[in-house]
C-alpha atoms as a PDB file:
ATOM      1  CA  MET A   1       7.595  -6.803  28.009  1.00  0.00           C
ATOM      2  CA  ASN A   2       7.633  -9.029  24.929  1.00  0.00           C
ATOM      3  CA  PHE A   3       6.632  -7.924  21.621  1.00  0.00           C
ATOM      4  CA  LEU A   4       3.107  -9.374  21.579  1.00  0.00           C
ATOM      5  CA  ASP A   5       2.376  -7.729  25.058  1.00  0.00           C
ATOM      6  CA  SER A   6       3.651  -4.411  23.856  1.00  0.00           C
ATOM      7  CA  ILE A   7       1.314  -4.708  20.790  1.00  0.00           C
ATOM      8  CA  LYS A   8      -1.636  -5.774  22.950  1.00  0.00           C
ATOM      9  CA  GLN A   9      -1.098  -2.783  25.278  1.00  0.00           C
ATOM     10  CA  ARG A  10      -0.825  -0.354  22.317  1.00  0.00           C
ATOM     11  CA  ALA A  11      -4.031  -2.009  20.706  1.00  0.00           C
ATOM     12  CA  LYS A  12      -6.080  -1.539  24.027  1.00  0.00           C
ATOM     13  CA  ALA A  13      -4.867   2.085  24.344  1.00  0.00           C
ATOM     14  CA  ASP A  14      -6.293   2.979  21.057  1.00  0.00           C
ATOM     15  CA  LYS A  15      -9.124   0.533  20.318  1.00  0.00           C
ATOM     16  CA  LYS A  16      -9.897  -0.011  16.437  1.00  0.00           C
ATOM     17  CA  THR A  17     -12.787  -1.918  14.916  1.00  0.00           C
ATOM     18  CA  ILE A  18     -11.778  -5.077  13.178  1.00  0.00           C
ATOM     19  CA  VAL A  19     -13.942  -7.115  11.031  1.00  0.00           C
ATOM     20  CA  LEU A  20     -13.850 -10.889  11.232  1.00  0.00           C
ATOM     21  CA  PRO A  21     -15.710 -12.405   8.132  1.00  0.00           C
ATOM     22  CA  GLU A  22     -15.109 -16.081   8.782  1.00  0.00           C
ATOM     23  CA  THR A  23     -17.477 -16.812  11.453  1.00  0.00           C
ATOM     24  CA  ALA A  24     -18.170 -20.439  10.284  1.00  0.00           C
ATOM     25  CA  ASP A  25     -14.738 -21.165  11.621  1.00  0.00           C
ATOM     26  CA  MET A  26     -14.692 -22.088  15.309  1.00  0.00           C
ATOM     27  CA  ARG A  27     -11.219 -20.691  15.558  1.00  0.00           C
ATOM     28  CA  THR A  28     -12.386 -17.264  14.616  1.00  0.00           C
ATOM     29  CA  ILE A  29     -15.179 -17.531  17.277  1.00  0.00           C
ATOM     30  CA  GLU A  30     -12.831 -18.403  19.836  1.00  0.00           C
ATOM     31  CA  ALA A  31     -10.343 -15.747  19.076  1.00  0.00           C
ATOM     32  CA  ALA A  32     -13.222 -13.201  19.027  1.00  0.00           C
ATOM     33  CA  HIS A  33     -14.177 -14.250  22.446  1.00  0.00           C
ATOM     34  CA  LYS A  34     -10.473 -13.773  23.493  1.00  0.00           C
ATOM     35  CA  VAL A  35     -10.258 -10.407  21.884  1.00  0.00           C
ATOM     36  CA  LEU A  36     -13.318  -9.075  23.526  1.00  0.00           C
ATOM     37  CA  LYS A  37     -12.121 -10.536  26.932  1.00  0.00           C
ATOM     38  CA  GLU A  38      -8.666  -8.842  26.625  1.00  0.00           C
ATOM     39  CA  GLU A  39     -10.394  -5.586  25.155  1.00  0.00           C
ATOM     40  CA  LEU A  40      -7.916  -5.409  22.380  1.00  0.00           C
ATOM     41  CA  ALA A  41     -10.452  -4.085  19.664  1.00  0.00           C
ATOM     42  CA  ASN A  42     -13.998  -3.672  18.827  1.00  0.00           C
ATOM     43  CA  LEU A  43     -15.174  -6.578  16.669  1.00  0.00           C
ATOM     44  CA  ILE A  44     -17.661  -6.953  13.706  1.00  0.00           C
ATOM     45  CA  LEU A  45     -18.650 -10.521  13.228  1.00  0.00           C
ATOM     46  CA  ILE A  46     -20.120 -11.241   9.680  1.00  0.00           C
ATOM     47  CA  GLY A  47     -23.316 -13.597   9.754  1.00  0.00           C
ATOM     48  CA  ASN A  48     -26.642 -14.314  11.549  1.00  0.00           C
ATOM     49  CA  LYS A  49     -26.201 -13.396  15.188  1.00  0.00           C
ATOM     50  CA  GLU A  50     -28.354 -16.016  16.468  1.00  0.00           C
ATOM     51  CA  GLU A  51     -26.870 -18.780  14.637  1.00  0.00           C
ATOM     52  CA  ILE A  52     -23.370 -17.791  15.671  1.00  0.00           C
ATOM     53  CA  ILE A  53     -24.166 -17.514  19.304  1.00  0.00           C
ATOM     54  CA  LYS A  54     -26.117 -20.747  19.187  1.00  0.00           C
ATOM     55  CA  LYS A  55     -23.278 -22.858  17.678  1.00  0.00           C
ATOM     56  CA  SER A  56     -20.804 -21.421  20.415  1.00  0.00           C
ATOM     57  CA  PRO A  57     -22.225 -21.507  23.787  1.00  0.00           C
ATOM     58  CA  ASP A  58     -18.899 -21.783  25.334  1.00  0.00           C
ATOM     59  CA  PHE A  59     -17.774 -18.427  24.123  1.00  0.00           C
ATOM     60  CA  ASP A  60     -18.821 -14.965  25.195  1.00  0.00           C
ATOM     61  CA  LEU A  61     -19.350 -12.747  22.241  1.00  0.00           C
ATOM     62  CA  ASN A  62     -21.127  -9.939  24.199  1.00  0.00           C
ATOM     63  CA  GLY A  63     -19.687  -6.717  23.078  1.00  0.00           C
ATOM     64  CA  ALA A  64     -19.343  -7.632  19.460  1.00  0.00           C
ATOM     65  CA  SER A  65     -21.526  -6.258  16.632  1.00  0.00           C
ATOM     66  CA  PHE A  66     -23.032  -8.568  14.070  1.00  0.00           C
ATOM     67  CA  ILE A  67     -23.709  -7.887  10.414  1.00  0.00           C
ATOM     68  CA  ASP A  68     -25.814 -10.186   8.694  1.00  0.00           C
ATOM     69  CA  PRO A  69     -25.784  -9.551   4.913  1.00  0.00           C
ATOM     70  CA  ASN A  70     -29.370 -10.607   4.522  1.00  0.00           C
ATOM     71  CA  ASP A  71     -30.524  -7.881   7.041  1.00  0.00           C
ATOM     72  CA  TYR A  72     -28.431  -5.057   6.935  1.00  0.00           C
ATOM     73  CA  ASP A  73     -29.553  -1.555   6.681  1.00  0.00           C
ATOM     74  CA  ASN A  74     -26.530  -0.202   4.931  1.00  0.00           C
ATOM     75  CA  MET A  75     -26.250  -3.034   2.274  1.00  0.00           C
ATOM     76  CA  GLN A  76     -27.649  -0.882  -0.703  1.00  0.00           C
ATOM     77  CA  SER A  77     -25.208   1.876   0.064  1.00  0.00           C
ATOM     78  CA  LEU A  78     -22.310  -0.684   0.015  1.00  0.00           C
ATOM     79  CA  ILE A  79     -23.648  -2.316  -3.096  1.00  0.00           C
ATOM     80  CA  SER A  80     -23.801   1.027  -4.790  1.00  0.00           C
ATOM     81  CA  SER A  81     -20.316   2.004  -3.560  1.00  0.00           C
ATOM     82  CA  LEU A  82     -18.836  -1.355  -4.968  1.00  0.00           C
ATOM     83  CA  VAL A  83     -20.535  -0.637  -8.439  1.00  0.00           C
ATOM     84  CA  GLU A  84     -18.800   2.805  -8.532  1.00  0.00           C
ATOM     85  CA  ILE A  85     -15.342   1.169  -7.483  1.00  0.00           C
ATOM     86  CA  ARG A  86     -15.575  -1.526 -10.051  1.00  0.00           C
ATOM     87  CA  LYS A  87     -17.398   0.506 -12.964  1.00  0.00           C
ATOM     88  CA  SER A  88     -14.196   0.418 -15.154  1.00  0.00           C
ATOM     89  CA  LYS A  89     -14.505  -3.376 -14.967  1.00  0.00           C
ATOM     90  CA  GLY A  90     -18.062  -3.348 -15.988  1.00  0.00           C
ATOM     91  CA  MET A  91     -19.644  -4.460 -12.538  1.00  0.00           C
ATOM     92  CA  THR A  92     -23.168  -4.460 -12.510  1.00  0.00           C
ATOM     93  CA  GLU A  93     -25.609  -3.874  -9.537  1.00  0.00           C
ATOM     94  CA  ASP A  94     -26.653  -7.338  -9.558  1.00  0.00           C
ATOM     95  CA  GLU A  95     -22.977  -8.621  -9.621  1.00  0.00           C
ATOM     96  CA  ALA A  96     -22.085  -6.426  -6.679  1.00  0.00           C
ATOM     97  CA  LYS A  97     -25.214  -7.567  -4.927  1.00  0.00           C
ATOM     98  CA  LYS A  98     -24.290 -11.209  -5.330  1.00  0.00           C
ATOM     99  CA  LEU A  99     -20.551 -10.549  -4.142  1.00  0.00           C
ATOM    100  CA  LEU A 100     -21.581  -8.724  -0.873  1.00  0.00           C
ATOM    101  CA  MET A 101     -24.409 -11.146  -0.060  1.00  0.00           C
ATOM    102  CA  GLU A 102     -22.588 -14.342  -0.677  1.00  0.00           C
ATOM    103  CA  ASN A 103     -18.941 -13.600  -0.202  1.00  0.00           C
ATOM    104  CA  PRO A 104     -18.179 -12.415   3.583  1.00  0.00           C
ATOM    105  CA  LEU A 105     -14.723 -11.301   2.256  1.00  0.00           C
ATOM    106  CA  TYR A 106     -15.977  -8.812  -0.034  1.00  0.00           C
ATOM    107  CA  LEU A 107     -18.383  -7.499   2.704  1.00  0.00           C
ATOM    108  CA  GLY A 108     -15.683  -7.252   5.133  1.00  0.00           C
ATOM    109  CA  VAL A 109     -13.608  -5.319   2.731  1.00  0.00           C
ATOM    110  CA  MET A 110     -16.337  -2.938   1.875  1.00  0.00           C
ATOM    111  CA  LEU A 111     -16.985  -2.184   5.617  1.00  0.00           C
ATOM    112  CA  VAL A 112     -13.283  -1.209   5.766  1.00  0.00           C
ATOM    113  CA  LYS A 113     -13.579   0.915   2.790  1.00  0.00           C
ATOM    114  CA  ALA A 114     -16.638   2.625   3.952  1.00  0.00           C
ATOM    115  CA  GLY A 115     -14.765   3.282   7.361  1.00  0.00           C
ATOM    116  CA  ILE A 116     -17.220   1.241   9.563  1.00  0.00           C
ATOM    117  CA  ALA A 117     -14.271  -1.018  10.263  1.00  0.00           C
ATOM    118  CA  ASP A 118     -10.671  -0.033  10.533  1.00  0.00           C
ATOM    119  CA  GLY A 119      -8.954  -3.510   9.238  1.00  0.00           C
ATOM    120  CA  MET A 120      -9.961  -7.041   8.462  1.00  0.00           C
ATOM    121  CA  VAL A 121      -8.470 -10.331   9.548  1.00  0.00           C
ATOM    122  CA  ALA A 122      -9.266 -13.159   7.437  1.00  0.00           C
ATOM    123  CA  GLY A 123      -7.635 -16.367   5.966  1.00  0.00           C
ATOM    124  CA  ALA A 124      -8.129 -19.265   8.559  1.00  0.00           C
ATOM    125  CA  ALA A 125     -10.564 -20.680   6.102  1.00  0.00           C
ATOM    126  CA  ASN A 126      -9.581 -19.027   2.834  1.00  0.00           C
ATOM    127  CA  ALA A 127      -6.704 -19.058   0.647  1.00  0.00           C
ATOM    128  CA  THR A 128      -4.282 -15.949   0.399  1.00  0.00           C
ATOM    129  CA  ALA A 129      -5.379 -14.993  -3.013  1.00  0.00           C
ATOM    130  CA  ASP A 130      -9.068 -14.990  -2.197  1.00  0.00           C
ATOM    131  CA  VAL A 131      -8.337 -12.775   0.982  1.00  0.00           C
ATOM    132  CA  LEU A 132      -6.212 -10.416  -0.951  1.00  0.00           C
ATOM    133  CA  ARG A 133      -8.381 -10.013  -4.270  1.00  0.00           C
ATOM    134  CA  PRO A 134     -11.104  -8.059  -2.874  1.00  0.00           C
ATOM    135  CA  SER A 135      -8.518  -5.996  -0.871  1.00  0.00           C
ATOM    136  CA  LEU A 136      -6.646  -5.020  -3.984  1.00  0.00           C
ATOM    137  CA  GLN A 137      -9.839  -4.451  -5.981  1.00  0.00           C
ATOM    138  CA  ILE A 138     -11.403  -2.182  -3.504  1.00  0.00           C
ATOM    139  CA  LEU A 139      -8.841  -0.785  -1.124  1.00  0.00           C
ATOM    140  CA  LYS A 140      -5.900  -0.668  -3.617  1.00  0.00           C
ATOM    141  CA  THR A 141      -2.377   0.257  -2.600  1.00  0.00           C
ATOM    142  CA  ALA A 142      -1.565   2.824  -0.176  1.00  0.00           C
ATOM    143  CA  PRO A 143      -0.398   6.211  -1.515  1.00  0.00           C
ATOM    144  CA  GLY A 144       3.383   6.111  -2.508  1.00  0.00           C
ATOM    145  CA  THR A 145       3.490   2.422  -2.353  1.00  0.00           C
ATOM    146  CA  LYS A 146       4.457   0.290  -5.427  1.00  0.00           C
ATOM    147  CA  LEU A 147       3.204  -3.081  -4.423  1.00  0.00           C
ATOM    148  CA  VAL A 148       1.690  -5.057  -1.495  1.00  0.00           C
ATOM    149  CA  SER A 149       3.998  -7.482   0.233  1.00  0.00           C
ATOM    150  CA  ALA A 150       4.076  -9.636   3.374  1.00  0.00           C
ATOM    151  CA  PHE A 151       6.520  -9.937   6.273  1.00  0.00           C
ATOM    152  CA  PHE A 152       6.882 -11.759   9.551  1.00  0.00           C
ATOM    153  CA  VAL A 153       7.828 -10.343  12.833  1.00  0.00           C
ATOM    154  CA  ILE A 154      10.312 -12.971  14.240  1.00  0.00           C
ATOM    155  CA  VAL A 155      11.162 -12.847  18.140  1.00  0.00           C
ATOM    156  CA  VAL A 156      14.179 -14.947  18.844  1.00  0.00           C
ATOM    157  CA  PRO A 157      14.507 -15.706  22.552  1.00  0.00           C
ATOM    158  CA  ASP A 158      17.911 -14.809  24.329  1.00  0.00           C
ATOM    159  CA  CYS A 159      19.228 -13.296  21.110  1.00  0.00           C
ATOM    160  CA  GLU A 160      21.627 -10.392  21.001  1.00  0.00           C
ATOM    161  CA  TYR A 161      21.275  -9.639  17.469  1.00  0.00           C
ATOM    162  CA  GLY A 162      18.521  -7.493  15.813  1.00  0.00           C
ATOM    163  CA  GLU A 163      16.612  -5.316  18.074  1.00  0.00           C
ATOM    164  CA  ASN A 164      16.990  -7.544  21.189  1.00  0.00           C
ATOM    165  CA  GLY A 165      16.159 -10.470  19.214  1.00  0.00           C
ATOM    166  CA  VAL A 166      13.246  -8.919  17.120  1.00  0.00           C
ATOM    167  CA  PHE A 167      13.367  -8.964  13.444  1.00  0.00           C
ATOM    168  CA  ILE A 168      11.310  -8.278  10.299  1.00  0.00           C
ATOM    169  CA  PHE A 169      11.670 -10.959   7.511  1.00  0.00           C
ATOM    170  CA  ALA A 170      10.487  -9.981   4.231  1.00  0.00           C
ATOM    171  CA  ASP A 171       8.793 -10.927   1.891  1.00  0.00           C
ATOM    172  CA  SER A 172       8.007 -14.174   3.473  1.00  0.00           C
ATOM    173  CA  GLY A 173       4.604 -14.852   2.373  1.00  0.00           C
ATOM    174  CA  LEU A 174       3.476 -13.211  -0.911  1.00  0.00           C
ATOM    175  CA  VAL A 175       5.732 -11.912  -3.752  1.00  0.00           C
ATOM    176  CA  GLN A 176       7.251 -14.746  -5.385  1.00  0.00           C
ATOM    177  CA  ASN A 177      10.340 -13.579  -7.336  1.00  0.00           C
ATOM    178  CA  PRO A 178      10.756  -9.816  -6.972  1.00  0.00           C
ATOM    179  CA  ASN A 179      12.617  -8.039  -9.487  1.00  0.00           C
ATOM    180  CA  ALA A 180      15.168  -5.208  -8.259  1.00  0.00           C
ATOM    181  CA  GLU A 181      12.553  -2.284  -8.225  1.00  0.00           C
ATOM    182  CA  GLU A 182      10.126  -4.610  -6.255  1.00  0.00           C
ATOM    183  CA  LEU A 183      12.774  -5.847  -3.804  1.00  0.00           C
ATOM    184  CA  ALA A 184      13.483  -2.089  -3.037  1.00  0.00           C
ATOM    185  CA  ALA A 185       9.891  -1.359  -2.552  1.00  0.00           C
ATOM    186  CA  ILE A 186       9.659  -4.358  -0.081  1.00  0.00           C
ATOM    187  CA  ALA A 187      12.702  -2.969   1.712  1.00  0.00           C
ATOM    188  CA  GLN A 188      11.153   0.505   2.097  1.00  0.00           C
ATOM    189  CA  SER A 189       7.863  -0.803   3.242  1.00  0.00           C
ATOM    190  CA  SER A 190       9.228  -3.163   5.663  1.00  0.00           C
ATOM    191  CA  ALA A 191      11.277  -0.426   7.265  1.00  0.00           C
ATOM    192  CA  LYS A 192       8.271   1.456   7.816  1.00  0.00           C
ATOM    193  CA  SER A 193       6.295  -1.556   9.374  1.00  0.00           C
ATOM    194  CA  PHE A 194       9.281  -2.299  11.713  1.00  0.00           C
ATOM    195  CA  GLU A 195       9.207   1.432  12.690  1.00  0.00           C
ATOM    196  CA  VAL A 196       5.415   1.089  13.399  1.00  0.00           C
ATOM    197  CA  LEU A 197       5.202  -2.130  15.144  1.00  0.00           C
ATOM    198  CA  VAL A 198       8.586  -2.485  16.955  1.00  0.00           C
ATOM    199  CA  GLN A 199       8.898   1.243  17.538  1.00  0.00           C
ATOM    200  CA  ALA A 200      12.781   1.291  17.068  1.00  0.00           C
ATOM    201  CA  GLU A 201      14.881   2.410  14.103  1.00  0.00           C
ATOM    202  CA  PRO A 202      14.872   0.177  11.270  1.00  0.00           C
ATOM    203  CA  VAL A 203      18.224  -1.174  10.023  1.00  0.00           C
ATOM    204  CA  VAL A 204      17.981  -2.884   6.748  1.00  0.00           C
ATOM    205  CA  GLY A 205      19.945  -5.712   5.575  1.00  0.00           C
ATOM    206  CA  MET A 206      19.527  -6.792   1.758  1.00  0.00           C
ATOM    207  CA  LEU A 207      20.384 -10.466   1.801  1.00  0.00           C
ATOM    208  CA  SER A 208      22.219 -12.654  -0.712  1.00  0.00           C
ATOM    209  CA  HIS A 209      24.771 -15.577  -0.744  1.00  0.00           C
ATOM    210  CA  SER A 210      27.205 -12.902  -1.245  1.00  0.00           C
ATOM    211  CA  THR A 211      28.795 -10.003   0.817  1.00  0.00           C
ATOM    212  CA  LYS A 212      29.790  -6.959  -1.199  1.00  0.00           C
ATOM    213  CA  GLY A 213      30.981  -8.536  -4.436  1.00  0.00           C
ATOM    214  CA  SER A 214      32.241 -11.809  -3.017  1.00  0.00           C
ATOM    215  CA  ALA A 215      30.190 -13.811  -5.606  1.00  0.00           C
ATOM    216  CA  LYS A 216      29.153 -13.036  -8.953  1.00  0.00           C
ATOM    217  CA  HIS A 217      25.597 -14.021 -10.380  1.00  0.00           C
ATOM    218  CA  PRO A 218      22.546 -12.437 -11.838  1.00  0.00           C
ATOM    219  CA  ASP A 219      20.876 -13.125  -8.485  1.00  0.00           C
ATOM    220  CA  VAL A 220      23.466 -11.069  -6.793  1.00  0.00           C
ATOM    221  CA  ASP A 221      23.049  -8.223  -9.361  1.00  0.00           C
ATOM    222  CA  LYS A 222      19.276  -8.114  -8.555  1.00  0.00           C
ATOM    223  CA  VAL A 223      20.168  -7.355  -4.852  1.00  0.00           C
ATOM    224  CA  VAL A 224      22.930  -5.041  -5.542  1.00  0.00           C
ATOM    225  CA  GLU A 225      20.512  -3.032  -7.826  1.00  0.00           C
ATOM    226  CA  ALA A 226      17.693  -3.146  -5.463  1.00  0.00           C
ATOM    227  CA  THR A 227      20.131  -1.765  -2.702  1.00  0.00           C
ATOM    228  CA  LYS A 228      21.061   1.117  -5.080  1.00  0.00           C
ATOM    229  CA  ILE A 229      17.164   2.015  -5.983  1.00  0.00           C
ATOM    230  CA  ALA A 230      16.254   1.939  -2.159  1.00  0.00           C
ATOM    231  CA  LYS A 231      19.211   4.054  -1.189  1.00  0.00           C
ATOM    232  CA  ALA A 232      18.313   6.667  -3.968  1.00  0.00           C
ATOM    233  CA  GLU A 233      14.532   6.687  -3.117  1.00  0.00           C
ATOM    234  CA  SER A 234      15.162   6.735   0.621  1.00  0.00           C
ATOM    235  CA  PRO A 235      18.343   8.422   1.523  1.00  0.00           C
ATOM    236  CA  ASP A 236      17.793   8.763   5.203  1.00  0.00           C
ATOM    237  CA  LEU A 237      17.109   5.063   5.665  1.00  0.00           C
ATOM    238  CA  LYS A 238      19.699   2.895   7.299  1.00  0.00           C
ATOM    239  CA  LEU A 239      19.963   0.377   4.374  1.00  0.00           C
ATOM    240  CA  ASP A 240      22.788  -1.462   2.781  1.00  0.00           C
ATOM    241  CA  GLY A 241      23.706  -4.742   1.096  1.00  0.00           C
ATOM    242  CA  GLU A 242      24.308  -7.180  -0.572  1.00  0.00           C
ATOM    243  CA  PHE A 243      24.957  -9.133   2.613  1.00  0.00           C
ATOM    244  CA  GLN A 244      25.099 -12.735   3.470  1.00  0.00           C
ATOM    245  CA  LEU A 245      23.050 -13.483   6.578  1.00  0.00           C
ATOM    246  CA  ASP A 246      25.944 -13.668   9.264  1.00  0.00           C
ATOM    247  CA  ALA A 247      27.424 -10.057   8.014  1.00  0.00           C
ATOM    248  CA  ALA A 248      24.020  -8.556   8.215  1.00  0.00           C
ATOM    249  CA  ILE A 249      23.410  -9.249  11.853  1.00  0.00           C
ATOM    250  CA  VAL A 250      26.514 -10.333  13.601  1.00  0.00           C
ATOM    251  CA  PRO A 251      28.718  -7.320  14.366  1.00  0.00           C
ATOM    252  CA  SER A 252      32.232  -8.973  14.378  1.00  0.00           C
ATOM    253  CA  ILE A 253      31.599 -10.469  10.949  1.00  0.00           C
ATOM    254  CA  GLY A 254      29.766  -7.667   9.471  1.00  0.00           C
ATOM    255  CA  LYS A 255      32.978  -5.375  10.403  1.00  0.00           C
ATOM    256  CA  SER A 256      35.102  -8.078   8.886  1.00  0.00           C
ATOM    257  CA  LYS A 257      33.181  -8.564   5.645  1.00  0.00           C
ATOM    258  CA  ALA A 258      31.859  -5.216   5.148  1.00  0.00           C
ATOM    259  CA  PRO A 259      34.059  -2.691   6.742  1.00  0.00           C
ATOM    260  CA  GLY A 260      32.707   0.915   6.489  1.00  0.00           C
ATOM    261  CA  SER A 261      29.116  -0.133   6.390  1.00  0.00           C
ATOM    262  CA  ASP A 262      26.860   1.373   9.018  1.00  0.00           C
ATOM    263  CA  VAL A 263      24.290  -1.375   8.495  1.00  0.00           C
ATOM    264  CA  ALA A 264      26.602  -4.590   8.457  1.00  0.00           C
ATOM    265  CA  GLY A 265      26.268  -6.495  11.795  1.00  0.00           C
ATOM    266  CA  LYS A 266      23.369  -4.457  12.956  1.00  0.00           C
ATOM    267  CA  ALA A 267      20.458  -5.263  10.624  1.00  0.00           C
ATOM    268  CA  ASN A 268      16.896  -6.029  12.154  1.00  0.00           C
ATOM    269  CA  VAL A 269      14.980  -5.850   8.896  1.00  0.00           C
ATOM    270  CA  LEU A 270      15.917  -8.669   6.724  1.00  0.00           C
ATOM    271  CA  VAL A 271      15.072  -8.394   3.062  1.00  0.00           C
ATOM    272  CA  PHE A 272      15.146 -11.738   1.262  1.00  0.00           C
ATOM    273  CA  PRO A 273      15.996 -12.022  -2.526  1.00  0.00           C
ATOM    274  CA  ASP A 274      12.841 -14.144  -3.113  1.00  0.00           C
ATOM    275  CA  LEU A 275       9.983 -15.932  -1.346  1.00  0.00           C
ATOM    276  CA  ASP A 276      11.772 -19.200  -1.265  1.00  0.00           C
ATOM    277  CA  SER A 277      14.633 -18.021   0.780  1.00  0.00           C
ATOM    278  CA  GLY A 278      12.186 -15.749   2.779  1.00  0.00           C
ATOM    279  CA  ASN A 279       9.721 -18.448   3.562  1.00  0.00           C
ATOM    280  CA  ILE A 280      12.562 -21.117   4.286  1.00  0.00           C
ATOM    281  CA  GLY A 281      14.597 -18.574   6.623  1.00  0.00           C
ATOM    282  CA  TYR A 282      11.400 -17.704   8.746  1.00  0.00           C
ATOM    283  CA  LYS A 283      10.538 -21.388   9.227  1.00  0.00           C
ATOM    284  CA  LEU A 284      14.164 -22.258  10.246  1.00  0.00           C
ATOM    285  CA  ALA A 285      14.055 -19.441  12.846  1.00  0.00           C
ATOM    286  CA  GLN A 286      10.711 -20.607  14.015  1.00  0.00           C
ATOM    287  CA  ARG A 287      11.477 -24.335  14.353  1.00  0.00           C
ATOM    288  CA  LEU A 288      15.239 -24.389  15.115  1.00  0.00           C
ATOM    289  CA  ALA A 289      15.786 -21.377  17.188  1.00  0.00           C
ATOM    290  CA  LYS A 290      12.083 -21.728  18.721  1.00  0.00           C
ATOM    291  CA  ALA A 291      11.354 -18.060  17.532  1.00  0.00           C
ATOM    292  CA  GLU A 292       8.035 -16.790  17.716  1.00  0.00           C
ATOM    293  CA  ALA A 293       6.721 -15.873  14.228  1.00  0.00           C
ATOM    294  CA  TYR A 294       3.842 -13.324  13.783  1.00  0.00           C
ATOM    295  CA  GLY A 295       2.353 -13.300  10.268  1.00  0.00           C
ATOM    296  CA  PRO A 296       2.169 -13.207   7.464  1.00  0.00           C
ATOM    297  CA  ILE A 297       1.444  -9.405   7.872  1.00  0.00           C
ATOM    298  CA  THR A 298       0.274  -7.508   4.845  1.00  0.00           C
ATOM    299  CA  GLN A 299       1.906  -4.115   3.934  1.00  0.00           C
ATOM    300  CA  GLY A 300       1.142  -1.885   1.386  1.00  0.00           C
ATOM    301  CA  ILE A 301      -2.753  -1.954   0.963  1.00  0.00           C
ATOM    302  CA  ALA A 302      -4.398   1.481   1.676  1.00  0.00           C
ATOM    303  CA  LYS A 303      -5.986   0.039   4.915  1.00  0.00           C
ATOM    304  CA  PRO A 304      -4.905  -3.042   6.928  1.00  0.00           C
ATOM    305  CA  VAL A 305      -6.111  -6.263   5.751  1.00  0.00           C
ATOM    306  CA  ASN A 306      -4.089  -9.353   7.103  1.00  0.00           C
ATOM    307  CA  ASP A 307      -4.292 -12.871   5.983  1.00  0.00           C
ATOM    308  CA  LEU A 308      -3.797 -15.836   8.298  1.00  0.00           C
ATOM    309  CA  SER A 309      -2.317 -19.254   7.689  1.00  0.00           C
ATOM    310  CA  ARG A 310      -5.024 -21.797   7.097  1.00  0.00           C
ATOM    311  CA  GLY A 311      -3.385 -23.902   9.867  1.00  0.00           C
ATOM    312  CA  CYS A 312      -3.391 -21.020  12.517  1.00  0.00           C
ATOM    313  CA  SER A 313      -4.732 -21.277  16.125  1.00  0.00           C
ATOM    314  CA  ALA A 314      -7.195 -19.102  17.671  1.00  0.00           C
ATOM    315  CA  ASP A 315      -4.350 -17.395  19.762  1.00  0.00           C
ATOM    316  CA  ASP A 316      -2.618 -16.665  16.287  1.00  0.00           C
ATOM    317  CA  ILE A 317      -5.703 -14.970  15.187  1.00  0.00           C
ATOM    318  CA  VAL A 318      -5.914 -12.827  18.383  1.00  0.00           C
ATOM    319  CA  GLY A 319      -2.273 -11.761  17.948  1.00  0.00           C
ATOM    320  CA  VAL A 320      -2.950 -10.694  14.328  1.00  0.00           C
ATOM    321  CA  VAL A 321      -5.967  -8.831  15.283  1.00  0.00           C
ATOM    322  CA  ALA A 322      -3.943  -6.765  17.797  1.00  0.00           C
ATOM    323  CA  ILE A 323      -1.314  -6.089  15.165  1.00  0.00           C
ATOM    324  CA  THR A 324      -4.022  -5.173  12.510  1.00  0.00           C
ATOM    325  CA  ALA A 325      -5.335  -2.617  15.208  1.00  0.00           C
ATOM    326  CA  VAL A 326      -1.967  -1.051  15.812  1.00  0.00           C
ATOM    327  CA  GLN A 327      -1.345  -0.886  11.808  1.00  0.00           C
ATOM    328  CA  ALA A 328      -4.796   0.919  11.687  1.00  0.00           C
ATOM    329  CA  GLY A 329      -3.795   3.528  14.158  1.00  0.00           C
ATOM    330  CA  ASN A 330      -0.552   4.563  12.191  1.00  0.00           C
END
């Protein structure tokens, strides 16, 4: 069973409620149709039910719930809750009402905060910053998490490395240039995400252009320091570095370049030193190795909210809904 089929099976076995706020985008509507058909999750679609159904006659949305901000019994409760959450920032009731009535992303996140939904998927029609802003303002970071970051699950066909060709690449979507403490936090969050989604032991390689001191540069020093911090904070985690990519994933090279490391040559969670390398790395794997790339998946928010690429397909949205549902169950 491949990675996505496994995720879908787990989502079906423990159905969660996911809110889709971007109902003006037909990819979202098509994805909702497919999610409902496959019984992957219960869905909340934000918008007027009659208008949504009228513009999408080819898609069966029976089984979805619809929340119209102009006609929703719990709206006042959500407004009051948002005012309370943002009172330190001086939010008024009128401001909260305007946000929830006019911005489906804020309404979607408030539905998650209130427990009406278990998670949210958006980003097909909105920028990452717009998706994550309400999430960070309302849901905030998960307990024990220092920052929100993003990763891709990379599934490389016919690959002997990683977990049968399955890897997490992080951060490949959000944190531009993490310092050593942030890089350590990304590594620890990514290990937890690997365990949840892949259901295998994470083996974390901290990547660099250097392996165990083979090069000297402040960029290398950052990765060395991040490795020390992560090891100190998570001593039971299989994590090591700094490694060049081949030393991290190829057993023979890992043994040669980093003898004595229990991670070298075995890594399945690859932590890149910055967003440039992480983004380039996942796209290289996707385009040249014909890998499947699922993401960016967000980690570190108190409840799962995932951001889509604006170039995503309906099938991409279906996959992220299933992943979000599995995250919500852990």
